[in-house]
Amino acid sequence: MPPGIFILLILLGAIFYKKARIYLLLLASLFYLFSTKAIGNFLLLPFEQPYNHIHTPQSVNAMVILAGGTHGKSANLTLAASSYKRLIYGTMIAKQEQLPIIFSGQGLKKYSESMSAKDSIAELNRYFDINLTESTKLLKDTFSIFYENKSLNTYENAKFTKKLFADKKVETPTIYLVTSAFHMKRSIRLYKHFGFHVIPVATDFMTTNKLTIRSFFPSHAGLQMSYHALHEYAGLLQLSLKLK
């Protein structure tokens, strides 16, 4: 259901429930603001803008792609949209520069993010013949993919990925880090905490430099943008307390 319906219901409640009128009007106002693309865009821009640039090849040890969810076992394209964009963009660059890929993520579902990524790579190999093979080692200058299938969150993505490099006696790895643009700032901070030199490779952008009149109307997209922004602000605050 569109957010506007809920705003109208709250306003109706304010008309008939006089004792809570001020609180309901405040709630309706906040709901309206956070469900517009104008506010969502404003909140997300600080996260996305620094990484909105053309990729420039550099010398790295590997390409690290962070999982972003899965739809579960389905007939095709099982990765969630954000996760699929990350996988595709990271794979494009890794193939061009002949890099090993680490796809990092397990998730909470029985059909894991790594399992979903494997099936997606199999589809890409079958339909587009990209010749991306699975590897159990991080082979430098080799277009291959390794699945880190233990991590449940970004902190564990960084932690378990660091262990892979530590096992190869690489203490300060330089990596391309691929994730959604809104998620990049927090991801970089976590990977730097574990001793990585990070070169951000952002994708899945949600913001725009051009607003229209429709940007000021409530929408599901606007609400989603605000949710992601508030989630990242809360995550950064949590990191500031946790990593002191």
Protein backbone atom coordinates (compact mmCIF):
# COMPACT_ATOMS: atom_id res chain seq x y z
CA MET A 1 0.00 0.00 0.00
CA PRO A 2 1.29 3.51 -0.77
CA PRO A 3 2.51 5.57 2.22
CA GLY A 4 -0.05 8.30 1.49
CA ILE A 5 -2.88 6.04 2.71
CA PHE A 6 -1.24 5.63 6.11
CA ILE A 7 -0.67 9.38 6.36
CA LEU A 8 -4.37 9.99 5.68
CA LEU A 9 -5.34 7.40 8.32
CA ILE A 10 -3.13 9.09 10.90
CA LEU A 11 -4.65 12.48 10.03
CA LEU A 12 -8.14 11.03 10.41
CA GLY A 13 -7.11 9.71 13.81
CA ALA A 14 -5.96 13.23 14.74
CA ILE A 15 -9.42 14.58 13.87
CA PHE A 16 -11.33 12.09 16.02
CA TYR A 17 -8.85 11.52 18.86
CA LYS A 18 -8.33 14.99 20.30
CA LYS A 19 -6.17 13.93 23.27
CA ALA A 20 -3.40 12.65 21.00
CA ARG A 21 -3.92 15.17 18.20
CA ILE A 22 -0.52 16.88 18.52
CA TYR A 23 1.35 13.56 18.57
CA LEU A 24 -0.62 12.18 15.63
CA LEU A 25 -0.05 15.34 13.59
CA LEU A 26 3.67 15.13 14.37
CA LEU A 27 3.68 11.46 13.38
CA ALA A 28 1.87 12.23 10.12
CA SER A 29 4.35 15.02 9.35
CA LEU A 30 7.36 12.77 9.96
CA PHE A 31 5.80 9.95 7.96
CA TYR A 32 5.18 12.36 5.09
CA LEU A 33 8.72 13.78 5.13
CA PHE A 34 10.47 10.41 5.32
CA SER A 35 8.32 8.95 2.55
CA THR A 36 9.28 11.59 -0.02
CA LYS A 37 12.17 11.10 -2.42
CA ALA A 38 13.24 14.69 -1.71
CA ILE A 39 14.02 13.90 1.94
CA GLY A 40 15.31 10.40 1.19
CA ASN A 41 17.63 11.85 -1.43
CA PHE A 42 18.84 14.54 0.99
CA LEU A 43 19.60 11.95 3.68
CA LEU A 44 21.36 9.53 1.31
CA LEU A 45 23.49 11.98 -0.67
CA PRO A 46 26.27 12.24 1.97
CA PHE A 47 26.67 8.46 1.79
CA GLU A 48 26.59 8.07 -1.99
CA GLN A 49 28.08 11.22 -3.51
CA PRO A 50 31.74 10.61 -2.51
CA TYR A 51 31.74 7.32 -4.43
CA ASN A 52 29.85 8.40 -7.55
CA HIS A 53 32.73 8.41 -10.04
CA ILE A 54 34.14 6.36 -12.88
CA HIS A 55 36.31 3.42 -11.84
CA THR A 56 40.06 3.78 -12.37
CA PRO A 57 42.16 0.55 -12.40
CA GLN A 58 44.69 0.24 -9.57
CA SER A 59 46.97 -2.44 -8.17
CA VAL A 60 45.07 -4.64 -5.70
CA ASN A 61 45.26 -8.10 -4.17
CA ALA A 62 41.63 -9.00 -4.87
CA MET A 63 38.10 -7.89 -5.54
CA VAL A 64 35.78 -8.23 -2.50
CA ILE A 65 32.05 -8.21 -3.19
CA LEU A 66 29.67 -7.94 -0.24
CA ALA A 67 26.45 -9.93 -0.40
CA GLY A 68 23.20 -8.00 -0.24
CA GLY A 69 20.52 -10.61 0.26
CA THR A 70 18.79 -13.37 -1.66
CA HIS A 71 15.19 -14.04 -2.70
CA GLY A 72 15.60 -17.71 -1.87
CA LYS A 73 15.59 -20.67 -4.22
CA SER A 74 13.73 -19.68 -7.38
CA ALA A 75 13.85 -20.54 -11.07
CA ASN A 76 16.51 -17.92 -11.91
CA LEU A 77 18.31 -14.76 -10.71
CA THR A 78 18.02 -15.74 -7.06
CA LEU A 79 20.13 -12.92 -5.64
CA ALA A 80 18.31 -9.84 -4.38
CA ALA A 81 18.56 -6.82 -6.69
CA SER A 82 21.26 -5.03 -4.66
CA SER A 83 23.31 -8.19 -4.32
CA TYR A 84 23.02 -8.96 -8.03
CA LYS A 85 24.15 -5.46 -9.03
CA ARG A 86 27.18 -5.81 -6.74
CA LEU A 87 28.04 -9.23 -8.19
CA ILE A 88 27.68 -8.09 -11.80
CA TYR A 89 29.67 -4.88 -11.45
CA GLY A 90 32.42 -6.50 -9.40
CA THR A 91 32.68 -9.37 -11.88
CA MET A 92 32.90 -6.96 -14.82
CA ILE A 93 35.88 -5.16 -13.30
CA ALA A 94 37.54 -8.36 -12.07
CA LYS A 95 37.35 -9.90 -15.55
CA GLN A 96 38.77 -6.78 -17.16
CA GLU A 97 41.68 -6.61 -14.70
CA GLN A 98 42.12 -10.38 -14.18
CA LEU A 99 41.50 -10.37 -10.42
CA PRO A 100 40.42 -13.03 -7.94
CA ILE A 101 36.98 -12.35 -6.44
CA ILE A 102 35.91 -12.95 -2.86
CA PHE A 103 32.14 -13.03 -2.56
CA SER A 104 31.44 -12.53 1.13
CA GLY A 105 28.15 -13.45 2.78
CA GLN A 106 26.13 -16.26 4.27
CA GLY A 107 22.93 -14.60 5.46
CA LEU A 108 20.26 -16.06 7.71
CA LYS A 109 18.30 -18.08 5.16
CA LYS A 110 18.75 -21.80 4.55
CA TYR A 111 19.48 -21.02 0.90
CA SER A 112 22.46 -18.77 1.63
CA GLU A 113 23.75 -15.71 -0.19
CA SER A 114 26.86 -17.63 -1.24
CA MET A 115 24.76 -20.49 -2.62
CA SER A 116 22.67 -17.94 -4.50
CA ALA A 117 25.81 -16.28 -5.87
CA LYS A 118 27.12 -19.67 -7.06
CA ASP A 119 23.90 -20.30 -8.95
CA SER A 120 24.00 -16.80 -10.42
CA ILE A 121 27.59 -17.28 -11.60
CA ALA A 122 26.59 -20.61 -13.14
CA GLU A 123 23.87 -18.77 -15.07
CA LEU A 124 26.30 -16.10 -16.25
CA ASN A 125 28.80 -18.77 -17.34
CA ARG A 126 26.08 -20.68 -19.16
CA TYR A 127 24.48 -17.77 -21.00
CA PHE A 128 27.39 -15.37 -21.46
CA ASP A 129 30.43 -17.66 -21.26
CA ILE A 130 32.35 -15.38 -18.89
CA ASN A 131 34.57 -18.30 -17.84
CA LEU A 132 34.56 -17.48 -14.11
CA THR A 133 35.66 -20.56 -12.17
CA GLU A 134 35.39 -21.28 -8.46
CA SER A 135 38.64 -21.46 -6.51
CA THR A 136 39.57 -22.56 -3.01
CA LYS A 137 42.64 -20.27 -3.03
CA LEU A 138 43.28 -16.61 -3.67
CA LEU A 139 45.34 -16.80 -6.83
CA LYS A 140 46.80 -13.44 -7.75
CA ASP A 141 46.19 -12.17 -11.29
CA THR A 142 43.63 -14.92 -11.87
CA PHE A 143 39.99 -14.37 -12.76
CA SER A 144 38.37 -16.73 -10.27
CA ILE A 145 35.88 -16.57 -7.40
CA PHE A 146 36.11 -17.69 -3.76
CA TYR A 147 32.97 -17.86 -1.60
CA GLU A 148 33.32 -16.70 2.01
CA ASN A 149 30.20 -18.35 3.42
CA LYS A 150 30.31 -17.73 7.18
CA SER A 151 29.61 -14.02 7.69
CA LEU A 152 26.20 -12.78 8.82
CA ASN A 153 26.86 -9.03 8.75
CA THR A 154 29.36 -6.45 7.49
CA TYR A 155 31.55 -6.75 10.58
CA GLU A 156 31.93 -10.47 9.96
CA ASN A 157 32.43 -9.85 6.21
CA ALA A 158 35.56 -7.88 7.10
CA LYS A 159 36.66 -10.23 9.89
CA PHE A 160 36.46 -13.46 7.87
CA THR A 161 37.88 -11.88 4.73
CA LYS A 162 40.89 -10.70 6.71
CA LYS A 163 41.47 -14.27 7.92
CA LEU A 164 41.66 -15.44 4.29
CA PHE A 165 44.50 -13.01 3.63
CA ALA A 166 46.19 -13.68 6.98
CA ASP A 167 46.33 -17.38 6.08
CA LYS A 168 48.31 -16.33 2.98
CA LYS A 169 50.61 -14.12 5.12
CA VAL A 170 49.19 -10.92 3.62
CA GLU A 171 48.80 -8.62 6.63
CA THR A 172 47.71 -5.39 4.90
CA PRO A 173 45.77 -6.40 1.79
CA THR A 174 44.74 -3.82 -0.79
CA ILE A 175 41.29 -4.57 -2.15
CA TYR A 176 38.55 -3.26 -4.36
CA LEU A 177 35.46 -3.25 -2.15
CA VAL A 178 32.13 -3.56 -3.96
CA THR A 179 28.87 -2.77 -2.22
CA SER A 180 25.85 -0.52 -2.61
CA ALA A 181 26.83 3.15 -2.55
CA PHE A 182 24.78 3.94 0.58
CA HIS A 183 26.52 1.10 2.43
CA MET A 184 30.08 1.99 1.38
CA LYS A 185 31.08 4.45 4.12
CA ARG A 186 30.33 2.01 6.94
CA SER A 187 31.89 -0.89 5.03
CA ILE A 188 35.14 1.01 4.47
CA ARG A 189 35.36 1.87 8.13
CA LEU A 190 34.97 -1.78 9.13
CA TYR A 191 37.48 -3.08 6.60
CA LYS A 192 40.03 -0.43 7.62
CA HIS A 193 39.49 -1.50 11.24
CA PHE A 194 40.66 -4.98 10.24
CA GLY A 195 43.76 -3.66 8.47
CA PHE A 196 42.68 -3.41 4.83
CA HIS A 197 43.65 -0.71 2.38
CA VAL A 198 40.32 -0.12 0.68
CA ILE A 199 39.61 1.20 -2.81
CA PRO A 200 35.83 1.72 -2.98
CA VAL A 201 33.93 0.45 -6.01
CA ALA A 202 30.34 1.53 -5.40
CA THR A 203 27.24 0.55 -7.34
CA ASP A 204 23.46 0.36 -6.83
CA PHE A 205 23.05 4.14 -6.53
CA MET A 206 19.69 5.45 -5.36
CA THR A 207 20.15 9.24 -5.27
CA THR A 208 19.72 11.80 -8.03
CA ASN A 209 20.92 15.34 -8.70
CA LYS A 210 17.58 16.33 -10.20
CA LEU A 211 14.34 16.47 -8.23
CA THR A 212 10.88 16.86 -9.76
CA ILE A 213 7.49 17.76 -8.32
CA ARG A 214 6.86 14.03 -7.83
CA SER A 215 9.85 13.91 -5.49
CA PHE A 216 7.72 15.73 -2.90
CA PHE A 217 4.87 13.21 -2.96
CA PRO A 218 4.88 10.19 -0.60
CA SER A 219 6.15 7.01 -2.26
CA HIS A 220 7.46 3.57 -1.37
CA ALA A 221 10.78 4.47 -3.04
CA GLY A 222 11.14 7.58 -0.88
CA LEU A 223 10.40 5.59 2.27
CA GLN A 224 12.99 2.99 1.25
CA MET A 225 15.63 5.68 0.68
CA SER A 226 14.97 7.21 4.10
CA TYR A 227 15.10 3.77 5.72
CA HIS A 228 18.51 2.99 4.21
CA ALA A 229 19.86 6.40 5.24
CA LEU A 230 18.62 6.14 8.85
CA HIS A 231 19.93 2.57 9.05
CA GLU A 232 23.39 3.75 7.98
CA TYR A 233 23.40 6.70 10.39
CA ALA A 234 22.50 4.32 13.21
CA GLY A 235 25.16 1.85 12.03
CA LEU A 236 27.87 4.52 12.03
CA LEU A 237 26.84 5.63 15.51
CA GLN A 238 27.04 2.03 16.71
CA LEU A 239 30.50 1.67 15.16
CA SER A 240 31.70 4.85 16.85
CA LEU A 241 30.77 3.32 20.20
CA LYS A 242 31.94 -0.21 19.40
CA LEU A 243 35.31 0.54 17.78
CA LYS A 244 36.56 3.07 20.32
